[in-house]
Amino acid sequence: MAKESLFSKLFSKHSEQIPPTKRLPKLKFVFFIVDWNQAHVISDVFDEHNVRFHFVSKGMGNSSSDILDLFGIGASDKAVICCLEQAVLFPVLMKEVRKKLGFNNPGKGIAFTIPLSAINDPILLIFKQSIYKNEKLSAAIANKSENKGEKMANEHSHDLIVSIINHGFSDEFMNTARAAGATGGTVLHARGQAHEGAVKFFGISVQDEKEIILIITSKEKKAAIMQAVSEAHGLNSEAHGIVFSVPVNDVNGLNFE
């Protein structure tokens, strides 16, 4: 019998194809992007619902003034709040956020989730303890929403474009992205760390100040935006940009109509 791989010993693949008796909780990485002075509201909601841990980063919104009020991602300090939580609990958290922030109204912020493909077992066991309780709670809220005729969060209709560029190029980058169809983005400041080989190959300087730009967009606009920013601000430019995207679920707070 082949020895179990180190990965399988430490991590559980986050598959839904698991027998009901051995079913694992489906987890997602949950993101909220709101005005910095509203970060405490999200944290309070997390505390009330016993979210085990969450992280808060400070960023800068970047959007054209004509959509600033519409999308809530204008040029102001933003809080990027993320947590790891069961997928069934996301509707519960959104219900409370809508109640306290009026999240369905224009300009209140963005929320979305990213599904996980694997996670280390000790963390998974923590969530497994409350899987049935949270599923029952979520089902009750879902039924109540359906009875009221409320529209449930959309699935797989948006992508998160993540771009890592040299410091000082975010305004130029966002001008290019908006011209290609982006409605706005959030800029986080970071410090780059790269292996020496990668530095020589890509021309990226080690420990340079970097800017991470997060853009939520519809799937239809993703390719055009990524192509435009890659051509103008890619590895061959002064911005030395790295651009990739991931599918996101449960997008709230945006209306692309």
Protein backbone atom coordinates (compact mmCIF):
# COMPACT_ATOMS: atom_id res chain seq x y z
CA MET A 1 0.00 0.00 0.00
CA ALA A 2 1.43 3.35 -1.03
CA LYS A 3 2.34 5.71 1.72
CA GLU A 4 -0.05 8.58 2.26
CA SER A 5 1.37 11.82 0.83
CA LEU A 6 2.46 14.59 3.17
CA PHE A 7 -0.17 16.86 1.60
CA SER A 8 -2.99 14.41 2.31
CA LYS A 9 -1.80 14.03 5.89
CA LEU A 10 -1.88 17.76 6.56
CA PHE A 11 -4.65 18.94 4.29
CA SER A 12 -8.17 17.87 3.40
CA LYS A 13 -9.29 18.37 -0.17
CA HIS A 14 -12.36 20.54 -0.05
CA SER A 15 -14.55 18.33 -2.22
CA GLU A 16 -18.31 18.11 -2.05
CA GLN A 17 -18.23 14.45 -3.13
CA ILE A 18 -18.11 13.11 0.44
CA PRO A 19 -20.55 10.56 1.90
CA PRO A 20 -23.16 12.29 4.13
CA THR A 21 -22.00 10.41 7.23
CA LYS A 22 -18.46 11.72 6.75
CA ARG A 23 -19.39 15.03 5.22
CA LEU A 24 -17.08 17.96 5.83
CA PRO A 25 -18.23 21.58 6.16
CA LYS A 26 -17.99 23.55 2.92
CA LEU A 27 -15.82 26.57 3.67
CA LYS A 28 -15.35 29.82 1.79
CA PHE A 29 -13.04 32.78 2.10
CA VAL A 30 -15.39 35.73 2.73
CA PHE A 31 -14.50 39.32 1.78
CA PHE A 32 -16.14 42.61 2.69
CA ILE A 33 -14.86 45.93 1.32
CA VAL A 34 -16.41 48.94 3.05
CA ASP A 35 -15.48 52.45 4.14
CA TRP A 36 -12.80 52.37 6.81
CA ASN A 37 -15.08 53.98 9.40
CA GLN A 38 -17.57 51.13 8.91
CA ALA A 39 -15.09 48.32 9.58
CA HIS A 40 -16.24 48.02 13.19
CA VAL A 41 -19.78 47.22 12.02
CA ILE A 42 -18.56 44.16 10.11
CA SER A 43 -16.37 43.12 13.04
CA ASP A 44 -19.35 43.44 15.40
CA VAL A 45 -21.46 41.22 13.14
CA PHE A 46 -18.67 38.64 13.09
CA ASP A 47 -18.44 38.73 16.89
CA GLU A 48 -22.21 38.36 17.31
CA HIS A 49 -22.21 35.24 15.13
CA ASN A 50 -19.08 33.73 16.64
CA VAL A 51 -16.92 33.98 13.54
CA ARG A 52 -13.75 32.44 14.89
CA PHE A 53 -11.23 34.85 13.38
CA HIS A 54 -11.08 37.58 10.78
CA PHE A 55 -8.52 39.98 9.36
CA VAL A 56 -8.74 43.68 8.52
CA SER A 57 -6.49 45.50 6.03
CA LYS A 58 -6.56 49.16 5.10
CA GLY A 59 -6.71 50.10 1.43
CA MET A 60 -7.58 52.97 -0.87
CA GLY A 61 -10.60 52.99 -3.15
CA ASN A 62 -10.05 54.05 -6.76
CA SER A 63 -12.94 54.81 -9.09
CA SER A 64 -14.17 57.57 -11.35
CA SER A 65 -16.29 60.21 -9.63
CA ASP A 66 -19.41 59.49 -11.71
CA ILE A 67 -19.73 56.01 -10.20
CA LEU A 68 -18.34 56.76 -6.73
CA ASP A 69 -21.77 56.90 -5.11
CA LEU A 70 -23.11 53.97 -7.14
CA PHE A 71 -20.49 51.40 -6.27
CA GLY A 72 -19.13 52.57 -2.93
CA ILE A 73 -15.51 52.19 -4.05
CA GLY A 74 -14.46 55.77 -4.58
CA ALA A 75 -11.15 57.41 -3.70
CA SER A 76 -11.26 57.05 0.09
CA ASP A 77 -9.86 54.82 2.82
CA LYS A 78 -11.33 51.32 2.63
CA ALA A 79 -11.35 48.36 4.96
CA VAL A 80 -10.79 44.96 3.38
CA ILE A 81 -12.16 42.47 5.90
CA CYS A 82 -11.85 38.75 5.30
CA CYS A 83 -12.63 35.62 7.24
CA LEU A 84 -12.81 31.87 6.78
CA GLU A 85 -16.32 30.61 7.39
CA GLN A 86 -18.82 27.94 6.42
CA ALA A 87 -20.61 28.67 3.16
CA VAL A 88 -23.98 28.15 4.84
CA LEU A 89 -23.27 30.98 7.27
CA PHE A 90 -22.62 33.62 4.59
CA PRO A 91 -26.36 34.41 4.09
CA VAL A 92 -26.65 34.87 7.84
CA LEU A 93 -23.76 37.34 7.92
CA MET A 94 -25.13 39.19 4.88
CA LYS A 95 -28.55 39.52 6.47
CA GLU A 96 -27.06 41.24 9.51
CA VAL A 97 -24.76 43.46 7.42
CA ARG A 98 -27.70 44.56 5.26
CA LYS A 99 -29.66 45.38 8.41
CA LYS A 100 -26.88 47.48 9.96
CA LEU A 101 -25.28 49.06 6.88
CA GLY A 102 -28.12 49.12 4.39
CA PHE A 103 -25.89 47.03 2.12
CA ASN A 104 -28.52 46.81 -0.62
CA ASN A 105 -28.36 50.57 -1.07
CA PRO A 106 -25.82 52.11 -3.49
CA GLY A 107 -22.46 53.09 -2.08
CA LYS A 108 -22.32 50.81 0.96
CA GLY A 109 -19.58 48.45 -0.18
CA ILE A 110 -18.90 45.05 -1.72
CA ALA A 111 -19.05 41.49 -0.43
CA PHE A 112 -18.02 38.28 -2.18
CA THR A 113 -16.72 34.80 -1.44
CA ILE A 114 -14.00 32.56 -2.85
CA PRO A 115 -14.40 28.76 -2.56
CA LEU A 116 -11.54 26.73 -1.10
CA SER A 117 -9.89 23.70 -2.71
CA ALA A 118 -8.03 22.45 0.39
CA ILE A 119 -7.42 23.31 4.02
CA ASN A 120 -5.32 21.94 6.87
CA ASP A 121 -7.16 19.40 9.05
CA PRO A 122 -6.92 21.10 12.48
CA ILE A 123 -8.77 24.17 11.15
CA LEU A 124 -11.34 21.99 9.40
CA LEU A 125 -12.14 20.12 12.61
CA ILE A 126 -13.00 23.38 14.35
CA PHE A 127 -15.69 24.12 11.77
CA LYS A 128 -16.94 20.53 11.64
CA GLN A 129 -18.23 20.85 15.21
CA SER A 130 -20.95 23.30 14.16
CA ILE A 131 -21.77 22.15 10.62
CA TYR A 132 -25.32 20.92 11.29
CA LYS A 133 -26.28 23.85 13.50
CA ASN A 134 -25.21 26.38 10.86
CA GLU A 135 -26.87 24.45 8.03
CA LYS A 136 -30.19 24.48 9.88
CA LEU A 137 -29.90 28.21 10.54
CA SER A 138 -29.00 28.97 6.92
CA ALA A 139 -31.86 26.86 5.56
CA ALA A 140 -34.35 28.75 7.71
CA ILE A 141 -33.10 32.10 6.38
CA ALA A 142 -33.11 30.87 2.78
CA ASN A 143 -36.73 29.70 3.09
CA LYS A 144 -37.74 33.00 4.63
CA SER A 145 -36.06 34.92 1.78
CA GLU A 146 -37.82 32.79 -0.84
CA ASN A 147 -41.18 33.37 0.82
CA LYS A 148 -40.57 37.11 0.65
CA GLY A 149 -39.52 36.88 -2.98
CA GLU A 150 -36.01 38.11 -2.28
CA LYS A 151 -33.34 37.45 -4.88
CA MET A 152 -30.57 35.18 -3.61
CA ALA A 153 -26.89 36.07 -4.14
CA ASN A 154 -25.58 35.29 -7.61
CA GLU A 155 -23.17 32.41 -8.21
CA HIS A 156 -20.21 32.32 -10.60
CA SER A 157 -21.15 35.49 -12.46
CA HIS A 158 -18.14 37.59 -11.44
CA ASP A 159 -14.36 37.40 -11.22
CA LEU A 160 -11.82 39.01 -8.95
CA ILE A 161 -8.88 40.44 -10.89
CA VAL A 162 -5.79 40.66 -8.71
CA SER A 163 -2.89 42.79 -9.93
CA ILE A 164 0.47 43.33 -8.23
CA ILE A 165 2.35 46.36 -9.51
CA ASN A 166 5.17 48.65 -8.44
CA HIS A 167 4.25 51.44 -6.04
CA GLY A 168 3.02 54.65 -7.62
CA PHE A 169 1.33 53.22 -10.72
CA SER A 170 -2.15 52.52 -9.36
CA ASP A 171 -3.74 55.66 -10.85
CA GLU A 172 -2.41 54.92 -14.34
CA PHE A 173 -3.37 51.28 -13.93
CA MET A 174 -6.95 52.11 -12.93
CA ASN A 175 -7.30 54.60 -15.81
CA THR A 176 -6.45 51.76 -18.18
CA ALA A 177 -8.76 49.33 -16.40
CA ARG A 178 -11.69 51.76 -16.45
CA ALA A 179 -11.20 52.43 -20.15
CA ALA A 180 -11.50 48.66 -20.68
CA GLY A 181 -14.72 48.39 -18.67
CA ALA A 182 -13.76 48.25 -14.98
CA THR A 183 -15.94 50.24 -12.61
CA GLY A 184 -13.40 50.70 -9.84
CA GLY A 185 -11.01 48.90 -7.54
CA THR A 186 -9.36 48.80 -4.14
CA VAL A 187 -5.63 49.35 -3.67
CA LEU A 188 -3.63 47.65 -0.91
CA HIS A 189 -0.02 48.50 -0.12
CA ALA A 190 2.46 45.65 0.28
CA ARG A 191 6.15 44.83 0.22
CA GLY A 192 7.38 42.46 -2.45
CA GLN A 193 9.43 39.35 -1.70
CA ALA A 194 10.83 37.34 -4.61
CA HIS A 195 13.35 34.56 -5.14
CA GLU A 196 16.57 35.82 -6.75
CA GLY A 197 15.98 33.73 -9.85
CA ALA A 198 12.56 35.23 -10.33
CA VAL A 199 14.03 38.72 -9.92
CA LYS A 200 16.55 38.15 -12.68
CA PHE A 201 14.05 36.50 -14.98
CA PHE A 202 11.13 38.89 -14.58
CA GLY A 203 13.02 42.06 -13.72
CA ILE A 204 11.14 42.45 -10.46
CA SER A 205 13.08 44.09 -7.63
CA VAL A 206 13.17 42.31 -4.30
CA GLN A 207 11.45 44.12 -1.39
CA ASP A 208 10.20 46.99 -3.55
CA GLU A 209 7.02 48.67 -2.34
CA LYS A 210 4.11 47.13 -4.20
CA GLU A 211 0.45 47.90 -4.74
CA ILE A 212 -2.13 45.14 -4.89
CA ILE A 213 -5.20 46.15 -6.86
CA LEU A 214 -8.47 44.24 -6.43
CA ILE A 215 -11.12 44.63 -9.14
CA ILE A 216 -14.48 42.85 -9.11
CA THR A 217 -15.94 42.56 -12.60
CA SER A 218 -18.52 40.59 -14.55
CA LYS A 219 -17.19 37.54 -16.36
CA GLU A 220 -17.99 39.16 -19.70
CA LYS A 221 -15.67 42.11 -19.04
CA LYS A 222 -12.82 40.20 -17.40
CA ALA A 223 -10.81 39.28 -20.53
CA ALA A 224 -10.84 42.81 -21.96
CA ILE A 225 -9.73 44.37 -18.67
CA MET A 226 -6.96 41.85 -18.09
CA GLN A 227 -5.65 42.20 -21.63
CA ALA A 228 -5.63 46.00 -21.44
CA VAL A 229 -3.80 46.24 -18.10
CA SER A 230 -1.36 43.48 -19.02
CA GLU A 231 -0.37 45.22 -22.25
CA ALA A 232 -0.01 48.64 -20.63
CA HIS A 233 1.29 47.73 -17.17
CA GLY A 234 2.66 44.19 -17.47
CA LEU A 235 6.11 42.80 -16.77
CA ASN A 236 7.67 44.72 -19.67
CA SER A 237 6.44 48.07 -18.32
CA GLU A 238 7.75 50.23 -15.47
CA ALA A 239 4.86 48.95 -13.33
CA HIS A 240 6.15 45.35 -13.69
CA GLY A 241 2.59 44.13 -13.24
CA ILE A 242 1.50 40.57 -12.49
CA VAL A 243 -2.18 40.02 -13.26
CA PHE A 244 -4.42 37.02 -12.55
CA SER A 245 -8.06 36.34 -11.77
CA VAL A 246 -10.13 33.97 -9.66
CA PRO A 247 -13.87 33.21 -9.87
CA VAL A 248 -15.94 34.59 -7.00
CA ASN A 249 -19.39 33.74 -5.69
CA ASP A 250 -22.16 35.44 -3.72
CA VAL A 251 -21.34 38.93 -5.00
CA ASN A 252 -23.32 41.59 -3.12
CA GLY A 253 -23.34 45.36 -3.35
CA LEU A 254 -22.78 45.68 -7.11
CA ASN A 255 -25.18 46.19 -9.97
CA PHE A 256 -23.73 46.03 -13.45
CA GLU A 257 -27.03 46.69 -15.19
